[in-house]
N, C-alpha and C. Protein backbone atom coordinates (compact mmCIF):
# COMPACT_ATOMS: atom_id res chain seq x y z
N MET A 1 -132.07 7.53 -22.08
CA MET A 1 -131.45 8.51 -23.22
C MET A 1 -131.58 7.71 -24.47
N ALA A 2 -131.68 8.58 -25.48
CA ALA A 2 -131.54 7.94 -26.89
C ALA A 2 -130.10 7.58 -27.39
N VAL A 3 -129.96 6.89 -28.28
CA VAL A 3 -128.72 6.47 -28.97
C VAL A 3 -128.12 7.83 -29.35
N ALA A 4 -128.89 8.86 -29.66
CA ALA A 4 -128.01 10.06 -30.25
C ALA A 4 -127.07 10.68 -28.90
N GLY A 5 -127.37 10.38 -27.74
CA GLY A 5 -126.58 10.81 -26.88
C GLY A 5 -125.15 9.83 -26.76
N MET A 6 -125.11 8.96 -27.70
CA MET A 6 -123.91 8.04 -27.58
C MET A 6 -122.93 8.30 -28.77
N HIS A 7 -123.23 9.29 -29.53
CA HIS A 7 -122.33 9.79 -30.43
C HIS A 7 -121.13 10.62 -30.19
N ASN A 8 -119.83 10.42 -30.72
CA ASN A 8 -118.86 11.51 -30.60
C ASN A 8 -118.40 11.59 -29.03
N LEU A 9 -118.17 10.47 -28.24
CA LEU A 9 -117.96 10.58 -27.03
C LEU A 9 -116.29 10.47 -27.17
N LYS A 10 -115.69 11.32 -26.05
CA LYS A 10 -114.27 11.39 -25.97
C LYS A 10 -113.81 10.21 -25.35
N PRO A 11 -112.78 9.68 -25.92
CA PRO A 11 -112.19 8.33 -25.26
C PRO A 11 -111.62 8.45 -23.79
N ASP A 12 -111.04 9.61 -23.35
CA ASP A 12 -110.70 9.66 -22.11
C ASP A 12 -111.75 9.63 -21.31
N ARG A 13 -112.77 10.34 -21.57
CA ARG A 13 -114.02 10.42 -20.63
C ARG A 13 -114.85 9.12 -20.65
N VAL A 14 -114.73 8.49 -21.86
CA VAL A 14 -115.26 6.93 -21.61
C VAL A 14 -114.63 6.22 -20.65
N ILE A 15 -113.11 6.18 -20.65
CA ILE A 15 -112.27 5.55 -19.70
C ILE A 15 -112.82 5.72 -18.38
N THR A 16 -112.84 7.20 -18.05
CA THR A 16 -113.15 7.46 -16.72
C THR A 16 -114.74 7.18 -16.27
N ALA A 17 -115.59 7.10 -17.20
CA ALA A 17 -116.88 6.51 -17.04
C ALA A 17 -116.82 5.06 -16.41
N PHE A 18 -116.08 4.36 -17.32
CA PHE A 18 -115.77 2.87 -16.73
C PHE A 18 -115.39 2.86 -15.53
N GLU A 19 -114.36 3.70 -15.13
CA GLU A 19 -113.53 3.50 -13.98
C GLU A 19 -114.68 3.92 -12.67
N ARG A 20 -115.43 4.95 -13.13
CA ARG A 20 -116.57 5.26 -12.04
C ARG A 20 -117.58 4.23 -11.86
N ALA A 21 -117.55 3.14 -12.92
CA ALA A 21 -118.49 2.09 -12.79
C ALA A 21 -117.73 0.68 -12.19
N GLY A 22 -116.61 1.11 -11.81
CA GLY A 22 -115.90 -0.10 -10.95
C GLY A 22 -114.97 -0.88 -11.86
N TRP A 23 -114.39 -0.23 -13.05
CA TRP A 23 -113.46 -1.00 -13.92
C TRP A 23 -112.16 -0.50 -13.55
N GLU A 24 -111.23 -1.34 -13.57
CA GLU A 24 -109.72 -0.94 -13.21
C GLU A 24 -109.06 -0.91 -14.51
N ASN A 25 -108.31 0.35 -14.62
CA ASN A 25 -107.51 0.54 -15.86
C ASN A 25 -106.26 -0.21 -15.88
N LEU A 26 -106.12 -0.91 -16.78
CA LEU A 26 -104.79 -1.85 -16.77
C LEU A 26 -103.60 -0.95 -17.55
N GLY A 27 -103.79 -0.13 -18.09
CA GLY A 27 -103.01 0.93 -18.76
C GLY A 27 -103.08 0.74 -20.30
N ARG A 28 -102.15 1.39 -20.88
CA ARG A 28 -102.31 1.46 -22.45
C ARG A 28 -101.35 0.34 -22.88
N HIS A 29 -101.95 -0.45 -24.07
CA HIS A 29 -101.44 -1.44 -24.94
C HIS A 29 -101.55 -0.95 -26.31
N GLY A 30 -100.48 -0.45 -26.93
CA GLY A 30 -100.60 0.25 -28.29
C GLY A 30 -101.53 1.59 -28.11
N LYS A 31 -102.41 1.30 -28.95
CA LYS A 31 -103.41 2.68 -28.93
C LYS A 31 -104.75 2.17 -28.33
N HIS A 32 -104.72 1.21 -27.39
CA HIS A 32 -105.77 0.99 -26.72
C HIS A 32 -105.69 0.86 -25.03
N TYR A 33 -106.61 1.26 -24.41
CA TYR A 33 -106.61 1.11 -22.91
C TYR A 33 -107.42 -0.06 -22.73
N LYS A 34 -107.01 -0.99 -21.73
CA LYS A 34 -107.50 -2.19 -21.46
C LYS A 34 -108.02 -1.96 -19.86
N LEU A 35 -109.22 -2.55 -19.82
CA LEU A 35 -110.03 -2.35 -18.41
C LEU A 35 -110.56 -3.69 -18.01
N ARG A 36 -110.46 -4.00 -16.73
CA ARG A 36 -111.11 -5.17 -16.18
C ARG A 36 -111.84 -4.89 -15.09
N LYS A 37 -112.81 -5.78 -14.60
CA LYS A 37 -113.66 -5.77 -13.60
C LYS A 37 -113.66 -6.99 -12.87
N ILE A 38 -113.38 -7.14 -11.51
CA ILE A 38 -113.73 -8.55 -10.74
C ILE A 38 -115.00 -8.87 -10.87
N GLY A 39 -115.49 -10.19 -11.35
CA GLY A 39 -116.40 -10.69 -11.55
C GLY A 39 -117.07 -10.60 -13.03
N ASN A 40 -116.47 -9.96 -13.77
CA ASN A 40 -116.74 -10.03 -15.15
C ASN A 40 -115.70 -10.64 -15.89
N PRO A 41 -115.88 -11.58 -16.67
CA PRO A 41 -114.70 -12.15 -17.51
C PRO A 41 -114.25 -11.65 -18.64
N ASN A 42 -114.76 -10.25 -19.11
CA ASN A 42 -114.49 -9.59 -20.26
C ASN A 42 -113.32 -8.67 -19.73
N ILE A 43 -112.59 -8.27 -20.69
CA ILE A 43 -111.55 -7.27 -20.89
C ILE A 43 -111.94 -6.32 -21.87
N LEU A 44 -112.25 -4.99 -21.40
CA LEU A 44 -112.68 -3.98 -22.38
C LEU A 44 -111.35 -3.19 -22.90
N SER A 45 -111.48 -2.96 -24.27
CA SER A 45 -110.56 -2.48 -25.04
C SER A 45 -111.07 -1.13 -25.79
N VAL A 46 -110.53 0.04 -25.10
CA VAL A 46 -111.08 1.23 -25.52
C VAL A 46 -109.93 2.12 -26.55
N PRO A 47 -110.22 2.08 -27.77
CA PRO A 47 -109.40 2.92 -28.65
C PRO A 47 -109.14 4.34 -28.39
N VAL A 48 -107.82 4.75 -28.43
CA VAL A 48 -107.55 6.16 -28.13
C VAL A 48 -106.55 6.44 -29.51
N HIS A 49 -107.20 6.85 -30.58
CA HIS A 49 -106.62 7.16 -31.80
C HIS A 49 -106.53 8.55 -32.11
N GLY A 50 -105.42 9.36 -31.63
CA GLY A 50 -105.32 10.63 -32.00
C GLY A 50 -106.56 11.57 -31.56
N GLY A 51 -107.19 11.24 -30.29
CA GLY A 51 -108.38 11.93 -29.71
C GLY A 51 -109.53 11.95 -30.63
N LYS A 52 -109.63 10.66 -31.65
CA LYS A 52 -110.98 10.85 -32.48
C LYS A 52 -112.04 10.16 -31.49
N PRO A 53 -113.12 10.38 -31.76
CA PRO A 53 -114.33 10.34 -30.72
C PRO A 53 -114.55 8.54 -30.99
N ILE A 54 -115.23 8.04 -30.03
CA ILE A 54 -115.62 6.52 -29.97
C ILE A 54 -117.11 6.43 -30.78
N LYS A 55 -116.96 5.65 -31.73
CA LYS A 55 -118.15 5.42 -32.46
C LYS A 55 -119.23 4.80 -31.65
N ALA A 56 -120.51 5.05 -31.99
CA ALA A 56 -121.54 4.60 -31.07
C ALA A 56 -121.65 3.15 -31.03
N GLY A 57 -121.47 2.40 -32.37
CA GLY A 57 -121.66 0.84 -32.27
C GLY A 57 -120.76 0.28 -31.69
N LEU A 58 -119.38 0.79 -31.41
CA LEU A 58 -118.25 0.15 -30.60
C LEU A 58 -118.53 0.54 -29.15
N LEU A 59 -118.99 1.40 -28.75
CA LEU A 59 -119.62 1.79 -27.42
C LEU A 59 -120.65 0.85 -26.97
N ARG A 60 -121.61 0.56 -27.91
CA ARG A 60 -122.77 -0.25 -27.41
C ARG A 60 -122.19 -1.56 -27.29
N GLY A 61 -121.17 -2.19 -27.94
CA GLY A 61 -120.56 -3.23 -27.84
C GLY A 61 -119.73 -3.44 -26.44
N LEU A 62 -118.98 -2.49 -26.06
CA LEU A 62 -118.33 -2.30 -24.92
C LEU A 62 -119.44 -2.34 -23.70
N LEU A 63 -120.51 -1.46 -23.73
CA LEU A 63 -121.53 -1.54 -22.68
C LEU A 63 -122.11 -2.89 -22.56
N LYS A 64 -122.33 -3.65 -23.61
CA LYS A 64 -122.80 -5.21 -23.59
C LYS A 64 -121.71 -5.87 -22.60
N LYS A 65 -120.63 -5.89 -23.01
CA LYS A 65 -119.60 -6.54 -22.21
C LYS A 65 -119.60 -6.24 -20.68
N ALA A 66 -119.70 -4.93 -20.56
CA ALA A 66 -119.59 -4.53 -19.27
C ALA A 66 -120.93 -4.62 -18.44
N GLU A 67 -122.10 -4.95 -19.10
CA GLU A 67 -123.13 -5.15 -18.40
C GLU A 67 -123.83 -3.83 -17.85
N LEU A 68 -123.65 -2.78 -18.71
CA LEU A 68 -124.22 -1.50 -18.47
C LEU A 68 -125.22 -0.99 -19.45
N THR A 69 -126.14 -0.34 -19.04
CA THR A 69 -127.07 0.26 -19.88
C THR A 69 -126.69 1.70 -20.33
N GLU A 70 -127.27 1.86 -21.32
CA GLU A 70 -126.97 3.33 -21.99
C GLU A 70 -127.09 4.39 -21.06
N GLU A 71 -128.23 4.36 -20.31
CA GLU A 71 -128.77 5.39 -19.50
C GLU A 71 -127.75 5.42 -18.24
N VAL A 72 -127.29 4.37 -17.61
CA VAL A 72 -126.36 4.21 -16.47
C VAL A 72 -125.03 4.87 -17.15
N PHE A 73 -124.42 4.53 -18.34
CA PHE A 73 -123.28 4.79 -18.97
C PHE A 73 -123.31 6.43 -18.88
N LEU A 74 -124.26 6.97 -19.60
CA LEU A 74 -124.37 8.51 -19.80
C LEU A 74 -124.25 9.16 -18.69
N ALA A 75 -124.74 8.63 -17.48
CA ALA A 75 -124.80 9.18 -16.05
C ALA A 75 -123.38 9.35 -15.58
N LEU A 76 -122.78 8.35 -15.66
CA LEU A 76 -121.46 8.20 -15.50
C LEU A 76 -120.33 9.06 -16.24
N TYR A 77 -120.82 9.02 -17.33
CA TYR A 77 -119.98 9.98 -18.39
C TYR A 77 -119.96 11.44 -18.05
N ARG A 78 -121.00 12.10 -17.60
CA ARG A 78 -121.37 13.47 -17.33
C ARG A 78 -120.48 13.78 -16.28
């Protein structure tokens, strides 16, 4: 899928998609949810700021750390 599918995604659904990919939700720290996955040294920090959507650039960075492609992530998001 094109990057156009990566715009204005809801933070709660983004977190759920990462959980479906095997990431463990460590809970909320301030206005961010932290997620970790065994075997991946990165901690993902997903902002939840009053329901504002996740911007495409931030999401691409999270996907890179999570070692997921846009196509796989969007399939998990739906």
